[in-house]
N, C-alpha and C. Protein backbone atom coordinates (compact mmCIF):
# COMPACT_ATOMS: atom_id res chain seq x y z
N MET A 1 93.31 102.43 93.06
CA MET A 1 92.76 101.14 92.72
C MET A 1 92.75 100.90 91.22
N GLU A 2 93.07 101.89 90.42
CA GLU A 2 93.04 101.71 88.98
C GLU A 2 93.94 100.59 88.50
N LYS A 3 94.97 100.26 89.30
CA LYS A 3 95.89 99.23 88.85
C LYS A 3 95.32 97.82 89.00
N TYR A 4 94.18 97.69 89.61
CA TYR A 4 93.56 96.37 89.79
C TYR A 4 92.30 96.24 88.93
N GLN A 5 92.43 96.55 87.66
CA GLN A 5 91.28 96.61 86.76
C GLN A 5 90.58 95.26 86.58
N ASN A 6 91.31 94.17 86.54
CA ASN A 6 90.67 92.86 86.38
C ASN A 6 89.87 92.49 87.62
N ILE A 7 90.41 92.77 88.79
CA ILE A 7 89.69 92.51 90.04
C ILE A 7 88.42 93.36 90.08
N ILE A 8 88.56 94.63 89.78
CA ILE A 8 87.40 95.54 89.78
C ILE A 8 86.36 95.07 88.78
N TYR A 9 86.80 94.69 87.60
CA TYR A 9 85.86 94.24 86.57
C TYR A 9 85.04 93.05 87.06
N VAL A 10 85.70 92.07 87.65
CA VAL A 10 85.02 90.88 88.14
C VAL A 10 84.04 91.24 89.26
N LEU A 11 84.49 92.05 90.20
CA LEU A 11 83.61 92.43 91.31
C LEU A 11 82.39 93.19 90.78
N LYS A 12 82.63 94.09 89.88
CA LYS A 12 81.57 94.97 89.35
C LYS A 12 80.59 94.23 88.45
N ASN A 13 81.05 93.20 87.76
CA ASN A 13 80.22 92.55 86.75
C ASN A 13 79.72 91.15 87.12
N ILE A 14 80.24 90.57 88.19
CA ILE A 14 79.79 89.24 88.58
C ILE A 14 79.30 89.22 90.03
N PHE A 15 80.05 89.84 90.93
CA PHE A 15 79.74 89.75 92.35
C PHE A 15 78.90 90.92 92.87
N VAL A 16 78.59 91.86 92.02
CA VAL A 16 77.84 93.05 92.43
C VAL A 16 76.46 92.64 92.97
N VAL A 17 76.05 93.29 94.03
CA VAL A 17 74.80 92.96 94.71
C VAL A 17 73.59 93.14 93.81
N ASP A 18 73.64 94.07 92.88
CA ASP A 18 72.51 94.33 91.98
C ASP A 18 72.10 93.10 91.17
N LEU A 19 73.05 92.24 90.85
CA LEU A 19 72.74 91.04 90.07
C LEU A 19 72.08 89.96 90.92
N GLY A 20 72.39 89.97 92.19
CA GLY A 20 71.74 89.06 93.12
C GLY A 20 72.09 87.59 92.97
N PHE A 21 73.24 87.29 92.37
CA PHE A 21 73.64 85.89 92.24
C PHE A 21 73.99 85.33 93.61
N PRO A 22 73.57 84.09 93.89
CA PRO A 22 74.08 83.42 95.10
C PRO A 22 75.60 83.29 94.96
N GLU A 23 76.30 83.27 96.09
CA GLU A 23 77.77 83.26 96.05
C GLU A 23 78.32 82.11 95.22
N ASP A 24 77.78 80.90 95.38
CA ASP A 24 78.31 79.76 94.63
C ASP A 24 78.12 79.92 93.12
N MET A 25 77.00 80.52 92.71
CA MET A 25 76.76 80.77 91.29
C MET A 25 77.73 81.84 90.76
N ALA A 26 77.94 82.88 91.54
CA ALA A 26 78.87 83.94 91.14
C ALA A 26 80.28 83.38 90.99
N ILE A 27 80.68 82.52 91.90
CA ILE A 27 82.01 81.91 91.82
C ILE A 27 82.13 81.06 90.56
N SER A 28 81.10 80.29 90.24
CA SER A 28 81.12 79.48 89.02
C SER A 28 81.23 80.36 87.77
N LEU A 29 80.45 81.43 87.73
CA LEU A 29 80.53 82.37 86.60
C LEU A 29 81.92 82.99 86.50
N TYR A 30 82.48 83.36 87.64
CA TYR A 30 83.82 83.94 87.71
C TYR A 30 84.84 82.99 87.10
N LYS A 31 84.83 81.74 87.54
CA LYS A 31 85.79 80.76 87.04
C LYS A 31 85.62 80.53 85.53
N GLU A 32 84.37 80.42 85.09
CA GLU A 32 84.10 80.23 83.66
C GLU A 32 84.57 81.42 82.84
N SER A 33 84.32 82.63 83.35
CA SER A 33 84.72 83.82 82.60
C SER A 33 86.24 83.94 82.50
N LEU A 34 86.95 83.55 83.55
CA LEU A 34 88.42 83.58 83.49
C LEU A 34 88.96 82.58 82.48
N GLN A 35 88.36 81.41 82.44
CA GLN A 35 88.80 80.39 81.48
C GLN A 35 88.54 80.84 80.05
N SER A 36 87.35 81.36 79.80
CA SER A 36 87.00 81.73 78.43
C SER A 36 87.71 82.99 77.95
N SER A 37 88.05 83.88 78.87
CA SER A 37 88.69 85.13 78.48
C SER A 37 90.22 85.05 78.47
N GLY A 38 90.76 83.98 79.04
CA GLY A 38 92.21 83.85 79.13
C GLY A 38 92.83 84.78 80.16
N LYS A 39 92.05 85.24 81.12
CA LYS A 39 92.53 86.21 82.12
C LYS A 39 92.95 85.56 83.44
N LEU A 40 93.00 84.25 83.51
CA LEU A 40 93.32 83.57 84.76
C LEU A 40 94.67 84.02 85.31
N GLY A 41 95.69 84.03 84.47
CA GLY A 41 97.02 84.46 84.92
C GLY A 41 97.03 85.91 85.35
N ASP A 42 96.29 86.76 84.63
CA ASP A 42 96.24 88.18 84.96
C ASP A 42 95.60 88.41 86.33
N ILE A 43 94.50 87.71 86.59
CA ILE A 43 93.80 87.93 87.86
C ILE A 43 94.63 87.37 89.02
N LYS A 44 95.30 86.25 88.81
CA LYS A 44 96.18 85.71 89.87
C LYS A 44 97.28 86.71 90.21
N GLN A 45 97.87 87.30 89.17
CA GLN A 45 98.93 88.28 89.39
C GLN A 45 98.40 89.50 90.13
N GLU A 46 97.25 90.01 89.69
CA GLU A 46 96.67 91.18 90.36
C GLU A 46 96.32 90.88 91.82
N LEU A 47 95.75 89.71 92.06
CA LEU A 47 95.41 89.35 93.44
C LEU A 47 96.66 89.22 94.30
N THR A 48 97.70 88.63 93.75
CA THR A 48 98.97 88.51 94.48
C THR A 48 99.49 89.90 94.86
N GLU A 49 99.47 90.81 93.90
CA GLU A 49 99.91 92.18 94.17
C GLU A 49 99.00 92.88 95.17
N ALA A 50 97.70 92.73 94.99
CA ALA A 50 96.74 93.41 95.86
C ALA A 50 96.83 92.91 97.30
N PHE A 51 96.99 91.61 97.50
CA PHE A 51 97.09 91.08 98.86
C PHE A 51 98.35 91.56 99.55
N SER A 52 99.36 91.93 98.79
CA SER A 52 100.61 92.45 99.36
C SER A 52 100.61 93.97 99.50
N ASP A 53 99.62 94.62 98.93
CA ASP A 53 99.53 96.08 98.91
C ASP A 53 98.97 96.58 100.25
N LYS A 54 99.82 97.23 101.01
CA LYS A 54 99.42 97.73 102.34
C LYS A 54 98.47 98.93 102.26
N ASP A 55 98.39 99.56 101.09
CA ASP A 55 97.56 100.76 100.93
C ASP A 55 96.16 100.46 100.42
N ILE A 56 95.90 99.24 100.03
CA ILE A 56 94.59 98.92 99.47
C ILE A 56 93.52 98.90 100.56
N SER A 57 92.35 99.37 100.22
CA SER A 57 91.19 99.26 101.11
C SER A 57 90.26 98.22 100.52
N TRP A 58 90.20 97.06 101.15
CA TRP A 58 89.32 96.01 100.67
C TRP A 58 87.86 96.40 100.86
N LYS A 59 87.58 97.14 101.92
CA LYS A 59 86.21 97.62 102.12
C LYS A 59 85.78 98.50 100.97
N GLU A 60 86.67 99.41 100.55
CA GLU A 60 86.35 100.30 99.43
C GLU A 60 86.29 99.54 98.11
N MET A 61 87.11 98.50 97.99
CA MET A 61 87.08 97.69 96.77
C MET A 61 85.73 96.99 96.63
N LEU A 62 85.08 96.72 97.75
CA LEU A 62 83.80 96.00 97.72
C LEU A 62 82.58 96.91 97.83
N LEU A 63 82.79 98.15 98.25
CA LEU A 63 81.69 99.10 98.39
C LEU A 63 82.20 100.49 98.08
N ASN A 64 81.74 101.06 96.96
CA ASN A 64 82.19 102.39 96.56
C ASN A 64 81.09 103.06 95.74
N ASP A 65 81.37 104.21 95.18
CA ASP A 65 80.36 104.96 94.42
C ASP A 65 79.97 104.29 93.10
N ASP A 66 80.82 103.41 92.58
CA ASP A 66 80.56 102.77 91.29
C ASP A 66 79.76 101.47 91.40
N TYR A 67 79.99 100.72 92.46
CA TYR A 67 79.32 99.42 92.62
C TYR A 67 79.36 98.98 94.08
N GLU A 68 78.47 98.02 94.41
CA GLU A 68 78.43 97.46 95.76
C GLU A 68 78.40 95.95 95.67
N VAL A 69 79.37 95.33 96.32
CA VAL A 69 79.39 93.88 96.44
C VAL A 69 78.81 93.52 97.80
N LEU A 70 79.51 93.89 98.85
CA LEU A 70 79.07 93.72 100.23
C LEU A 70 79.71 94.80 101.08
N ASP A 71 79.07 95.12 102.18
CA ASP A 71 79.57 96.12 103.12
C ASP A 71 80.07 95.39 104.37
N PHE A 72 81.36 95.45 104.61
CA PHE A 72 81.95 94.78 105.77
C PHE A 72 82.33 95.80 106.84
N ASP A 73 82.35 95.33 108.09
CA ASP A 73 82.71 96.20 109.21
C ASP A 73 84.21 96.47 109.28
N THR A 74 85.00 95.48 108.86
CA THR A 74 86.46 95.63 108.98
C THR A 74 87.16 95.31 107.67
N GLU A 75 88.37 95.81 107.54
CA GLU A 75 89.21 95.51 106.38
C GLU A 75 89.51 94.01 106.33
N GLU A 76 89.74 93.41 107.49
CA GLU A 76 90.08 91.99 107.54
C GLU A 76 88.92 91.14 107.02
N GLU A 77 87.69 91.46 107.41
CA GLU A 77 86.53 90.72 106.91
C GLU A 77 86.39 90.87 105.39
N ALA A 78 86.61 92.07 104.90
CA ALA A 78 86.52 92.32 103.47
C ALA A 78 87.60 91.53 102.71
N LYS A 79 88.80 91.54 103.25
CA LYS A 79 89.90 90.81 102.61
C LYS A 79 89.63 89.30 102.62
N GLU A 80 89.11 88.79 103.72
CA GLU A 80 88.80 87.37 103.80
C GLU A 80 87.73 86.98 102.78
N PHE A 81 86.78 87.85 102.55
CA PHE A 81 85.76 87.59 101.53
C PHE A 81 86.42 87.48 100.15
N VAL A 82 87.29 88.43 99.83
CA VAL A 82 87.98 88.41 98.53
C VAL A 82 88.82 87.15 98.40
N GLU A 83 89.50 86.77 99.46
CA GLU A 83 90.28 85.54 99.43
C GLU A 83 89.38 84.34 99.14
N ARG A 84 88.23 84.30 99.79
CA ARG A 84 87.31 83.16 99.65
C ARG A 84 86.68 83.09 98.27
N VAL A 85 86.27 84.22 97.71
CA VAL A 85 85.52 84.17 96.45
C VAL A 85 86.39 84.38 95.20
N LEU A 86 87.53 85.04 95.34
CA LEU A 86 88.37 85.29 94.16
C LEU A 86 89.63 84.43 94.12
N TRP A 87 90.32 84.27 95.25
CA TRP A 87 91.59 83.55 95.26
C TRP A 87 91.41 82.03 95.35
N GLU A 88 90.71 81.60 96.38
CA GLU A 88 90.59 80.16 96.63
C GLU A 88 89.95 79.37 95.48
N PRO A 89 88.92 79.88 94.81
CA PRO A 89 88.33 79.11 93.72
C PRO A 89 89.27 78.86 92.53
N ILE A 90 90.26 79.72 92.34
CA ILE A 90 91.15 79.54 91.18
C ILE A 90 92.48 78.92 91.55
N THR A 91 92.75 78.78 92.85
CA THR A 91 94.02 78.19 93.28
C THR A 91 93.83 76.95 94.14
N ASN A 92 92.61 76.76 94.63
CA ASN A 92 92.32 75.66 95.57
C ASN A 92 93.22 75.71 96.81
N SER A 93 93.58 76.94 97.21
CA SER A 93 94.41 77.11 98.39
C SER A 93 94.15 78.45 99.03
N LYS A 94 94.58 78.55 100.27
CA LYS A 94 94.53 79.83 100.97
C LYS A 94 95.73 80.65 100.51
N PRO A 95 95.60 81.97 100.52
CA PRO A 95 96.76 82.80 100.14
C PRO A 95 97.91 82.61 101.13
N GLU A 96 99.10 82.57 100.61
CA GLU A 96 100.28 82.40 101.47
C GLU A 96 100.88 83.75 101.86
N PHE A 97 100.37 84.82 101.28
CA PHE A 97 100.93 86.16 101.52
C PHE A 97 99.98 86.91 102.43
N LYS A 98 100.23 86.84 103.71
CA LYS A 98 99.36 87.54 104.66
C LYS A 98 100.15 88.51 105.47
């Protein structure tokens, strides 16, 4: 997962359960941080690669020893969450790579 550092950073610093932000507030912070940091293109590229990566564990990306976002029962539920909170807010579309 080291190759998805921007995704990990956002999950760990904005969507982490410890901060307790409501989802809509976290999404707003996420979008603002991407605009101000100039990382919008980087995160889109990482998400595109990650959604195509058959070896990625979305459950582990959201719940691991370093941070906890949410604990999902299935990989598909975890992936759908990432699509909803990370991809759709910056593209206004559903991912085309499924």
